[in-house]
């Protein structure tokens, strides 16, 4: 036992005094061997602490990047998607992950477990992966752009037709095109941006008719694999990583990703600071001020119930309000007594947005090809990064202002949000009726355990039976026990930060 313990200590000294920090895998192996030795070892406690700290950092990084129940691992999200060009490979891999069949997380950069121990090989592989990803996405965009649009006419499944993540062909209204890979998806199958929660920097920002500032950017789940934290959050993770006396493949990948993001940010700032683009941004600011100067009715911040003559309900003519607080405050009421007015205001907000669609005109800027092409390339490269940067949003607004408003997409997003709000309200009404019945029944409803165990049809009899049946139908329609979770937006930096 002493001989084994001495040999173990010699291994620890060798690994700790190497050229690089020891890998987490190696330390975990040493800890496993050390725990089996019938000898008290001071070095073992130190190693266990190092391993614990490394696991804690990895867990924190996973929570920062990975979506809830994500089918990706942290390392996959941090590495460039080298096989982005093959839509079928990308989609089948995504489906395999969803079904829990796909486990490997290192093969996308062509690295073996041994390669991951060398920081140099990780950096070289990352750079090559970046180039492959860019070439692949360009090829994929060309392929997907040639596919027939589901909005044009009814399409049938074929080798050149888009297939949604649900396995069906998206057809007709309700289909959305990804802004990165240009493929089509059912709006109800994917996370879509929410128009009413589009963030604005301050209450006196642009009014409602500044459509190029609406959050209409959509990235599909195959392109947007993570939560996309802000760069500041990632830098805090890197500072914590520097304190670890352990090397992790995820740490190497995060450093490469951060360098890539900072490099892109530098190029984007340079482009936005150029003379032509500065002039265009100035024109947008003037247009914003002109729209703000137009008369608009005074609007209370929490939108109480309005009478029938309220101008909010008259969405036409010169009386159409240019409401600024609308988008900020649409979802701001939280107190129980104001829930009903909030629901009403949400409905009115959606009606107002729908009524404004015919008034949206564009393009509001003339973007010469020499300016547009570099911005579009920067936009594509920025969308490939699993990081949220403000410059990405600025470029998106410029490109939107330089083309006509995408009315089809805005209509689709409005319809999806209406359906979601309707489902949420129906569920809320069902729960409210259930609560009232409990109160009406008095002592019988005081026992929650009994309430849950008894079947609904047994619990309610006589005139209540009809109500219970209606509640059951509502639950079946809305699906599940709780109201639907909020859908994360995919383009705006502020929303990502709030998440």
Protein backbone atom coordinates (compact mmCIF):
# COMPACT_ATOMS: atom_id res chain seq x y z
CA UNK A 1 0.00 0.00 0.00
CA UNK A 2 2.86 2.36 0.81
CA UNK A 3 4.54 1.59 -2.50
CA UNK A 4 1.29 2.34 -4.35
CA UNK A 5 0.87 5.57 -2.38
CA UNK A 6 4.43 6.70 -3.22
CA UNK A 7 3.88 5.90 -6.90
CA UNK A 8 0.59 7.86 -6.79
CA UNK A 9 2.34 10.89 -5.22
CA UNK A 10 5.03 10.70 -7.90
CA UNK A 11 2.29 10.76 -10.59
CA UNK A 12 0.68 13.79 -8.94
CA UNK A 13 4.02 15.66 -8.83
CA UNK A 14 4.70 14.84 -12.48
CA UNK A 15 1.31 16.03 -13.68
CA UNK A 16 1.37 19.19 -11.56
CA UNK A 17 4.87 20.18 -12.77
CA UNK A 18 4.18 19.71 -16.51
CA UNK A 19 4.29 22.38 -19.21
CA UNK A 20 0.53 23.02 -19.02
CA UNK A 21 -2.06 22.96 -16.28
CA UNK A 22 -3.30 19.38 -15.81
CA UNK A 23 -6.48 18.31 -17.65
CA UNK A 24 -9.62 17.70 -15.66
CA UNK A 25 -9.85 14.10 -16.94
CA UNK A 26 -6.35 13.31 -15.64
CA UNK A 27 -7.10 14.78 -12.22
CA UNK A 28 -10.37 12.83 -11.98
CA UNK A 29 -8.43 9.61 -12.74
CA UNK A 30 -5.88 10.39 -10.02
CA UNK A 31 -8.62 11.18 -7.49
CA UNK A 32 -10.35 7.86 -8.24
CA UNK A 33 -7.08 5.93 -7.69
CA UNK A 34 -6.16 7.95 -4.56
CA UNK A 35 -9.52 7.25 -2.91
CA UNK A 36 -8.93 3.49 -3.20
CA UNK A 37 -5.59 3.66 -1.34
CA UNK A 38 -5.79 2.75 2.37
CA UNK A 39 -3.49 5.68 3.22
CA UNK A 40 -4.35 9.26 4.21
CA UNK A 41 -3.00 11.57 1.49
CA UNK A 42 -2.87 15.36 1.85
CA UNK A 43 -2.51 15.74 -1.94
CA UNK A 44 -5.81 13.90 -2.45
CA UNK A 45 -7.77 16.61 -0.63
CA UNK A 46 -6.17 19.31 -2.77
CA UNK A 47 -6.96 17.40 -5.98
CA UNK A 48 -10.56 16.81 -4.90
CA UNK A 49 -10.97 20.55 -4.27
CA UNK A 50 -9.54 21.40 -7.71
CA UNK A 51 -11.86 18.90 -9.42
CA UNK A 52 -14.86 20.26 -7.49
CA UNK A 53 -14.03 23.86 -8.48
CA UNK A 54 -13.66 22.87 -12.14
CA UNK A 55 -17.03 21.09 -12.12
CA UNK A 56 -18.63 24.13 -10.48
CA UNK A 57 -17.25 26.41 -13.24
CA UNK A 58 -18.48 24.06 -15.98
CA UNK A 59 -21.94 23.96 -14.42
CA UNK A 60 -22.09 27.76 -14.25
CA UNK A 61 -20.99 28.01 -17.90
CA UNK A 62 -23.66 25.45 -18.89
CA UNK A 63 -26.39 27.47 -17.17
CA UNK A 64 -25.15 30.60 -18.93
CA UNK A 65 -25.17 29.09 -22.43
CA UNK A 66 -27.52 26.12 -22.60
CA UNK A 67 -31.28 26.45 -23.00
CA UNK A 68 -33.51 24.47 -20.66
CA UNK A 69 -33.56 20.78 -21.69
CA UNK A 70 -31.09 21.55 -24.47
CA UNK A 71 -30.11 18.64 -26.71
CA UNK A 72 -26.58 20.10 -27.08
CA UNK A 73 -23.60 19.84 -24.75
CA UNK A 74 -21.64 22.90 -23.63
CA UNK A 75 -18.64 22.01 -25.79
CA UNK A 76 -20.80 21.68 -28.93
CA UNK A 77 -22.39 25.08 -28.37
CA UNK A 78 -19.01 26.77 -27.85
CA UNK A 79 -17.43 25.20 -30.96
CA UNK A 80 -18.26 26.34 -34.51
CA UNK A 81 -20.64 24.02 -36.35
CA UNK A 82 -18.21 22.70 -38.98
CA UNK A 83 -20.90 20.68 -40.82
CA UNK A 84 -23.30 23.64 -41.18
CA UNK A 85 -23.36 23.19 -44.96
CA UNK A 86 -25.17 19.89 -44.87
CA UNK A 87 -28.78 20.57 -43.98
CA UNK A 88 -29.65 16.87 -43.75
CA UNK A 89 -26.65 16.10 -41.51
CA UNK A 90 -27.41 19.08 -39.30
CA UNK A 91 -31.11 18.24 -39.05
CA UNK A 92 -30.61 14.50 -38.47
CA UNK A 93 -28.02 15.24 -35.78
CA UNK A 94 -30.48 17.65 -34.14
CA UNK A 95 -33.24 15.02 -34.26
CA UNK A 96 -30.89 12.36 -32.85
CA UNK A 97 -30.05 14.71 -29.98
CA UNK A 98 -33.74 15.39 -29.35
CA UNK A 99 -34.33 11.65 -29.12
CA UNK A 100 -31.25 11.19 -26.92
CA UNK A 101 -29.42 8.96 -29.42
CA UNK A 102 -26.42 11.19 -30.12
CA UNK A 103 -23.75 11.43 -27.42
CA UNK A 104 -20.38 12.47 -28.87
CA UNK A 105 -19.46 16.14 -28.47
CA UNK A 106 -15.90 16.32 -29.78
CA UNK A 107 -16.16 14.91 -33.28
CA UNK A 108 -17.48 18.13 -34.83
CA UNK A 109 -13.98 19.64 -34.76
CA UNK A 110 -12.37 16.32 -35.67
CA UNK A 111 -10.58 16.12 -32.30
CA UNK A 112 -9.90 12.95 -30.35
CA UNK A 113 -9.84 12.91 -26.54
CA UNK A 114 -6.02 13.05 -26.72
CA UNK A 115 -6.10 16.11 -29.02
CA UNK A 116 -8.27 17.94 -26.50
CA UNK A 117 -5.39 17.82 -23.98
CA UNK A 118 -3.26 20.06 -26.19
CA UNK A 119 -4.35 23.74 -26.21
CA UNK A 120 -2.59 24.32 -29.55
CA UNK A 121 -4.57 21.65 -31.39
CA UNK A 122 -7.88 23.01 -30.00
CA UNK A 123 -7.08 26.54 -31.27
CA UNK A 124 -6.04 25.32 -34.74
CA UNK A 125 -9.13 23.10 -35.02
CA UNK A 126 -11.35 26.00 -33.88
CA UNK A 127 -9.98 28.32 -36.59
CA UNK A 128 -10.49 25.66 -39.27
CA UNK A 129 -14.01 25.02 -37.93
CA UNK A 130 -14.83 28.75 -38.23
CA UNK A 131 -13.90 28.74 -41.92
CA UNK A 132 -15.84 25.54 -42.62
CA UNK A 133 -18.87 26.91 -40.79
CA UNK A 134 -18.88 30.10 -42.87
CA UNK A 135 -18.46 28.25 -46.18
CA UNK A 136 -21.10 25.71 -45.13
CA UNK A 137 -23.73 28.29 -44.17
CA UNK A 138 -23.26 30.14 -47.49
CA UNK A 139 -23.85 26.86 -49.36
CA UNK A 140 -26.88 26.09 -47.17
CA UNK A 141 -28.37 29.55 -47.80
CA UNK A 142 -28.04 29.07 -51.56
CA UNK A 143 -29.73 25.66 -51.34
CA UNK A 144 -32.57 26.85 -49.10
CA UNK A 145 -33.19 30.05 -51.09
CA UNK A 146 -33.87 27.88 -54.16
CA UNK A 147 -36.64 25.99 -52.31
CA UNK A 148 -40.24 27.03 -53.07
CA UNK A 149 -41.73 29.46 -50.55
CA UNK A 150 -44.55 27.94 -48.46
CA UNK A 151 -46.35 31.31 -48.60
CA UNK A 152 -46.52 31.32 -52.40
CA UNK A 153 -48.70 28.23 -52.90
CA UNK A 154 -49.39 24.82 -51.43
CA UNK A 155 -46.30 22.63 -51.77
CA UNK A 156 -45.81 18.91 -51.56
CA UNK A 157 -42.94 17.12 -49.86
CA UNK A 158 -39.96 16.53 -52.12
CA UNK A 159 -36.19 16.63 -51.96
CA UNK A 160 -36.25 20.41 -52.59
CA UNK A 161 -38.94 21.28 -50.03
CA UNK A 162 -38.33 22.67 -46.55
CA UNK A 163 -39.08 20.32 -43.66
CA UNK A 164 -39.88 21.79 -40.23
CA UNK A 165 -38.34 20.35 -37.04
CA UNK A 166 -41.65 18.51 -36.51
CA UNK A 167 -40.98 16.50 -39.69
CA UNK A 168 -43.83 18.09 -41.68
CA UNK A 169 -43.71 20.46 -44.66
CA UNK A 170 -44.47 24.07 -43.64
CA UNK A 171 -47.19 25.33 -45.98
CA UNK A 172 -49.38 28.42 -46.20
CA UNK A 173 -49.75 31.13 -43.56
CA UNK A 174 -47.93 30.65 -40.26
CA UNK A 175 -44.58 29.70 -41.85
CA UNK A 176 -41.42 31.66 -40.94
CA UNK A 177 -38.08 31.80 -42.75
CA UNK A 178 -34.87 31.66 -40.69
CA UNK A 179 -32.76 34.78 -41.26
CA UNK A 180 -29.53 32.78 -41.15
CA UNK A 181 -30.01 29.48 -42.98
CA UNK A 182 -33.03 30.74 -45.04
CA UNK A 183 -35.02 27.55 -44.35
CA UNK A 184 -38.76 27.55 -43.52
CA UNK A 185 -40.45 26.38 -40.30
CA UNK A 186 -43.92 26.32 -38.72
CA UNK A 187 -44.21 29.33 -36.41
CA UNK A 188 -45.95 27.18 -33.77
CA UNK A 189 -43.09 24.60 -33.69
CA UNK A 190 -40.25 27.02 -32.91
CA UNK A 191 -39.48 29.93 -30.57
CA UNK A 192 -40.41 33.19 -32.30
CA UNK A 193 -39.80 36.86 -31.44
CA UNK A 194 -42.63 38.70 -29.63
CA UNK A 195 -43.59 42.05 -31.09
CA UNK A 196 -45.26 43.38 -27.93
CA UNK A 197 -42.18 42.76 -25.79
CA UNK A 198 -39.73 44.36 -28.21
CA UNK A 199 -37.30 46.18 -25.94
CA UNK A 200 -36.69 49.89 -26.25
CA UNK A 201 -33.71 51.67 -24.68
CA UNK A 202 -35.90 54.31 -22.95
CA UNK A 203 -39.53 55.47 -22.78
CA UNK A 204 -38.90 58.34 -25.21
CA UNK A 205 -37.49 56.14 -27.97
CA UNK A 206 -39.08 55.68 -31.37
CA UNK A 207 -42.85 55.51 -31.78
CA UNK A 208 -44.84 52.58 -33.05
CA UNK A 209 -44.47 53.35 -36.76
CA UNK A 210 -40.68 52.89 -36.63
CA UNK A 211 -41.18 49.31 -37.83
CA UNK A 212 -37.48 48.73 -38.52
CA UNK A 213 -36.91 48.70 -34.74
CA UNK A 214 -39.47 45.96 -34.08
CA UNK A 215 -38.05 42.67 -32.95
CA UNK A 216 -38.89 40.58 -36.02
CA UNK A 217 -35.60 38.72 -36.41
CA UNK A 218 -36.07 34.94 -36.39
CA UNK A 219 -33.31 32.33 -36.02
CA UNK A 220 -34.34 28.66 -36.11
CA UNK A 221 -33.33 26.18 -33.35
CA UNK A 222 -30.81 24.58 -35.75
CA UNK A 223 -28.96 27.92 -36.05
CA UNK A 224 -29.48 29.35 -32.55
CA UNK A 225 -28.24 26.53 -30.36
CA UNK A 226 -27.78 28.41 -27.08
CA UNK A 227 -29.14 31.28 -24.95
CA UNK A 228 -26.54 33.56 -26.55
CA UNK A 229 -25.35 35.45 -23.42
CA UNK A 230 -23.90 38.93 -23.69
CA UNK A 231 -20.15 39.39 -24.10
CA UNK A 232 -19.84 40.93 -20.61
CA UNK A 233 -21.23 37.73 -19.06
CA UNK A 234 -18.73 35.61 -20.99
CA UNK A 235 -15.80 37.79 -19.91
CA UNK A 236 -16.82 37.25 -16.26
CA UNK A 237 -16.76 33.48 -16.90
CA UNK A 238 -13.27 33.79 -18.42
CA UNK A 239 -11.97 35.66 -15.36
CA UNK A 240 -13.24 32.79 -13.16
CA UNK A 241 -11.60 30.30 -15.56
CA UNK A 242 -8.19 31.98 -15.15
CA UNK A 243 -8.30 31.22 -11.41
CA UNK A 244 -8.67 27.47 -12.01
CA UNK A 245 -5.43 25.41 -11.77
CA UNK A 246 -7.13 22.92 -14.14
CA UNK A 247 -7.61 22.81 -17.93
CA UNK A 248 -11.01 22.04 -19.47
CA UNK A 249 -11.78 21.62 -23.19
CA UNK A 250 -14.79 23.90 -22.64
CA UNK A 251 -12.45 26.57 -21.24
CA UNK A 252 -10.23 26.45 -24.35
CA UNK A 253 -13.30 26.63 -26.60
CA UNK A 254 -14.75 29.56 -24.63
CA UNK A 255 -11.50 31.50 -25.01
CA UNK A 256 -11.55 30.89 -28.78
CA UNK A 257 -15.21 31.92 -28.99
CA UNK A 258 -14.54 35.12 -27.03
CA UNK A 259 -11.62 36.05 -29.30
CA UNK A 260 -13.83 35.42 -32.34
CA UNK A 261 -16.63 37.59 -30.89
CA UNK A 262 -14.25 40.46 -29.97
CA UNK A 263 -12.67 40.32 -33.43
CA UNK A 264 -16.14 40.49 -35.08
CA UNK A 265 -17.17 43.33 -32.75
CA UNK A 266 -14.10 45.33 -33.79
CA UNK A 267 -14.92 44.92 -37.50
CA UNK A 268 -18.59 45.75 -36.91
CA UNK A 269 -17.72 48.94 -35.00
CA UNK A 270 -15.35 49.96 -37.78
CA UNK A 271 -18.11 49.45 -40.37
CA UNK A 272 -20.68 51.36 -38.30
CA UNK A 273 -18.21 54.23 -37.80
CA UNK A 274 -17.54 54.62 -41.54
CA UNK A 275 -18.67 57.87 -43.16
CA UNK A 276 -21.48 56.36 -45.29
CA UNK A 277 -23.00 54.31 -42.46
CA UNK A 278 -22.80 57.21 -39.98
CA UNK A 279 -24.77 59.36 -42.44
CA UNK A 280 -27.42 56.61 -42.76
CA UNK A 281 -27.67 56.26 -38.97
CA UNK A 282 -28.09 60.04 -38.73
CA UNK A 283 -30.94 59.88 -41.25
CA UNK A 284 -32.65 57.18 -39.20
CA UNK A 285 -32.33 59.32 -36.06
CA UNK A 286 -33.92 62.30 -37.90
CA UNK A 287 -36.80 60.10 -39.07
CA UNK A 288 -37.31 58.90 -35.50
CA UNK A 289 -37.52 62.49 -34.23
CA UNK A 290 -39.96 63.43 -37.00
CA UNK A 291 -42.27 60.55 -36.04
CA UNK A 292 -42.02 61.53 -32.37
CA UNK A 293 -43.00 65.10 -33.19
CA UNK A 294 -46.35 63.96 -34.64
CA UNK A 295 -49.29 64.47 -32.24
CA UNK A 296 -50.36 61.48 -30.20
CA UNK A 297 -52.88 61.06 -27.36
CA UNK A 298 -51.79 60.93 -23.75
CA UNK A 299 -51.72 57.31 -22.62
CA UNK A 300 -51.59 56.08 -18.99
CA UNK A 301 -48.73 53.62 -18.47
CA UNK A 302 -50.76 50.61 -17.33
CA UNK A 303 -53.54 50.79 -19.94
CA UNK A 304 -56.81 50.61 -17.91
CA UNK A 305 -59.96 49.39 -19.65
CA UNK A 306 -60.95 51.90 -22.30
CA UNK A 307 -64.46 52.94 -23.39
CA UNK A 308 -65.66 52.04 -26.88
CA UNK A 309 -64.74 55.49 -28.19
CA UNK A 310 -61.09 55.09 -27.14
CA UNK A 311 -58.84 56.10 -30.09
CA UNK A 312 -56.80 52.92 -29.47
CA UNK A 313 -59.69 50.96 -30.92
CA UNK A 314 -59.98 53.21 -33.96
CA UNK A 315 -56.94 52.10 -35.87
CA UNK A 316 -57.36 54.24 -38.98
CA UNK A 317 -57.06 57.79 -40.28
CA UNK A 318 -55.05 60.62 -38.80
CA UNK A 319 -56.18 59.70 -35.28
CA UNK A 320 -54.06 56.52 -35.27
CA UNK A 321 -51.90 57.02 -32.18
CA UNK A 322 -48.14 56.94 -32.38
CA UNK A 323 -47.92 55.36 -28.92
CA UNK A 324 -44.46 55.15 -27.43
CA UNK A 325 -45.20 53.44 -24.14
CA UNK A 326 -47.11 50.65 -25.89
CA UNK A 327 -44.25 48.29 -26.54
CA UNK A 328 -42.52 48.90 -23.22
CA UNK A 329 -45.59 48.52 -21.01
CA UNK A 330 -47.58 45.86 -22.83
CA UNK A 331 -46.54 43.18 -20.33
CA UNK A 332 -45.61 45.32 -17.34
CA UNK A 333 -48.62 44.91 -15.02
CA UNK A 334 -48.15 42.24 -12.39
CA UNK A 335 -50.45 43.08 -9.49
CA UNK A 336 -53.49 40.73 -9.26
CA UNK A 337 -56.06 43.50 -9.33
CA UNK A 338 -54.71 44.75 -12.66
CA UNK A 339 -54.54 41.43 -14.48
CA UNK A 340 -57.81 41.98 -16.36
CA UNK A 341 -56.87 45.46 -17.68
CA UNK A 342 -53.50 44.05 -18.78
CA UNK A 343 -55.16 41.30 -20.77
CA UNK A 344 -57.43 43.87 -22.39
CA UNK A 345 -54.51 46.12 -23.21
CA UNK A 346 -52.59 43.21 -24.75
CA UNK A 347 -55.52 42.51 -27.04
CA UNK A 348 -55.82 46.20 -27.95
CA UNK A 349 -52.07 46.41 -28.57
CA UNK A 350 -52.29 43.54 -31.04
CA UNK A 351 -55.32 45.12 -32.74
CA UNK A 352 -53.48 48.43 -32.96
CA UNK A 353 -50.41 46.78 -34.49
CA UNK A 354 -52.65 44.99 -37.02
CA UNK A 355 -54.38 48.25 -37.93
CA UNK A 356 -51.01 49.97 -38.47
CA UNK A 357 -49.79 47.41 -41.04
CA UNK A 358 -51.28 49.22 -44.09
CA UNK A 359 -49.50 52.43 -43.00
CA UNK A 360 -46.03 50.87 -42.86
CA UNK A 361 -43.98 52.12 -45.79
CA UNK A 362 -40.45 51.44 -46.88
CA UNK A 363 -37.65 51.33 -47.53
CA UNK A 364 -36.92 54.42 -45.43
CA UNK A 365 -33.20 54.43 -46.36
CA UNK A 366 -31.38 54.02 -49.64
CA UNK A 367 -28.61 51.48 -49.09
CA UNK A 368 -26.15 51.40 -52.00
CA UNK A 369 -24.85 47.93 -52.87
CA UNK A 370 -21.31 48.92 -51.81
CA UNK A 371 -22.64 49.59 -48.29
CA UNK A 372 -25.21 46.79 -48.11
CA UNK A 373 -22.96 43.84 -49.10
CA UNK A 374 -20.34 44.26 -46.31
CA UNK A 375 -23.13 44.82 -43.75
CA UNK A 376 -24.96 41.67 -44.87
CA UNK A 377 -21.75 39.63 -44.61
CA UNK A 378 -21.09 41.04 -41.11
CA UNK A 379 -24.70 40.25 -40.16
CA UNK A 380 -24.32 36.63 -41.25
CA UNK A 381 -21.03 36.18 -39.36
CA UNK A 382 -22.55 37.84 -36.28
CA UNK A 383 -25.54 35.47 -36.38
CA UNK A 384 -23.16 32.49 -36.40
CA UNK A 385 -21.70 33.60 -33.04
CA UNK A 386 -23.37 32.14 -29.96
CA UNK A 387 -22.97 35.56 -28.33
CA UNK A 388 -25.26 38.62 -28.14
CA UNK A 389 -23.65 41.88 -29.27
CA UNK A 390 -25.29 45.32 -29.59
CA UNK A 391 -23.57 45.94 -32.93
CA UNK A 392 -25.47 42.97 -34.39
CA UNK A 393 -28.77 44.66 -33.55
CA UNK A 394 -27.63 48.01 -35.02
CA UNK A 395 -26.65 46.37 -38.33
CA UNK A 396 -29.98 44.49 -38.39
CA UNK A 397 -31.92 47.76 -38.00
CA UNK A 398 -29.96 49.40 -40.82
CA UNK A 399 -30.57 46.49 -43.19
CA UNK A 400 -34.29 46.43 -42.25
CA UNK A 401 -34.65 50.17 -42.90
CA UNK A 402 -33.05 49.68 -46.33
CA UNK A 403 -35.78 47.32 -47.56
CA UNK A 404 -39.60 47.27 -47.54
CA UNK A 405 -41.24 46.03 -44.29
CA UNK A 406 -41.84 42.27 -44.30
CA UNK A 407 -45.61 42.47 -43.80
CA UNK A 408 -46.12 38.72 -44.19
CA UNK A 409 -43.74 38.00 -41.32
CA UNK A 410 -45.25 40.70 -39.10
CA UNK A 411 -48.76 39.29 -39.74
CA UNK A 412 -47.56 35.77 -38.91
CA UNK A 413 -45.92 36.95 -35.66
CA UNK A 414 -49.09 38.84 -34.69
CA UNK A 415 -51.27 35.79 -35.33
CA UNK A 416 -48.94 33.57 -33.27
CA UNK A 417 -48.98 36.04 -30.39
CA UNK A 418 -52.78 36.33 -30.54
CA UNK A 419 -53.12 32.53 -30.41
CA UNK A 420 -50.71 32.34 -27.47
CA UNK A 421 -52.56 35.06 -25.54
CA UNK A 422 -55.92 33.42 -26.25
CA UNK A 423 -54.64 30.07 -24.93
CA UNK A 424 -53.22 31.74 -21.85
CA UNK A 425 -56.50 33.57 -21.15
CA UNK A 426 -58.56 30.39 -21.60
CA UNK A 427 -56.33 28.58 -19.14
CA UNK A 428 -56.59 31.49 -16.69
CA UNK A 429 -60.40 31.47 -16.87
CA UNK A 430 -60.50 27.70 -16.26
CA UNK A 431 -58.27 28.04 -13.17
CA UNK A 432 -60.38 30.96 -11.90
CA UNK A 433 -63.61 28.91 -12.21
CA UNK A 434 -61.96 26.03 -10.38
CA UNK A 435 -60.87 28.33 -7.55
CA UNK A 436 -64.38 29.80 -7.23
CA UNK A 437 -65.95 26.34 -7.05
CA UNK A 438 -63.58 25.43 -4.22
CA UNK A 439 -64.62 28.57 -2.32
CA UNK A 440 -68.33 27.88 -2.99
CA UNK A 441 -68.07 24.33 -1.69
CA UNK A 442 -66.63 25.58 1.59
CA UNK A 443 -65.23 22.85 3.83
CA UNK A 444 -65.29 20.29 1.05
CA UNK A 445 -62.77 22.26 -0.96
CA UNK A 446 -60.45 22.93 1.97
CA UNK A 447 -58.59 19.65 1.52
CA UNK A 448 -56.29 20.12 -1.50
CA UNK A 449 -55.06 16.52 -1.39
CA UNK A 450 -58.60 15.18 -1.59
CA UNK A 451 -59.41 17.72 -4.31
CA UNK A 452 -56.54 16.43 -6.46
CA UNK A 453 -57.22 12.73 -5.86
CA UNK A 454 -60.92 12.66 -6.69
CA UNK A 455 -61.85 12.58 -10.38
CA UNK A 456 -63.31 15.82 -11.65
CA UNK A 457 -66.63 14.27 -12.68
CA UNK A 458 -67.05 12.76 -9.18
CA UNK A 459 -66.19 16.05 -7.48
CA UNK A 460 -68.79 18.03 -9.40
CA UNK A 461 -72.44 17.08 -9.59
CA UNK A 462 -75.67 18.69 -10.78
CA UNK A 463 -75.22 22.15 -12.26
CA UNK A 464 -71.43 22.02 -11.61
CA UNK A 465 -70.92 19.00 -13.85
CA UNK A 466 -71.35 21.06 -16.99
CA UNK A 467 -68.82 23.62 -15.76
CA UNK A 468 -66.26 20.91 -14.92
CA UNK A 469 -66.65 19.34 -18.33
CA UNK A 470 -66.04 22.72 -19.93
CA UNK A 471 -62.92 23.12 -17.77
CA UNK A 472 -61.63 19.73 -18.91
CA UNK A 473 -62.16 20.67 -22.54
CA UNK A 474 -60.28 23.92 -21.99
CA UNK A 475 -57.40 22.06 -20.35
CA UNK A 476 -57.24 19.67 -23.30
CA UNK A 477 -57.22 22.60 -25.71
CA UNK A 478 -54.54 24.56 -23.86
CA UNK A 479 -52.52 21.43 -23.01
CA UNK A 480 -50.68 20.97 -19.70
CA UNK A 481 -51.11 22.27 -16.19
CA UNK A 482 -49.54 25.72 -16.36
CA UNK A 483 -49.79 28.69 -18.69
CA UNK A 484 -47.42 28.53 -21.64
CA UNK A 485 -43.84 29.57 -20.95
CA UNK A 486 -42.72 32.86 -22.51
CA UNK A 487 -41.09 32.42 -25.88
CA UNK A 488 -37.48 33.68 -25.94
CA UNK A 489 -36.69 36.26 -28.55
CA UNK A 490 -33.88 35.64 -30.89
CA UNK A 491 -32.56 38.94 -32.09
CA UNK A 492 -32.50 41.64 -29.44
CA UNK A 493 -29.59 42.00 -27.00
CA UNK A 494 -31.62 43.44 -24.10
CA UNK A 495 -34.03 40.50 -24.01
CA UNK A 496 -31.18 37.98 -24.03
CA UNK A 497 -29.57 39.83 -21.14
CA UNK A 498 -32.80 39.78 -19.13
CA UNK A 499 -33.06 36.04 -19.63
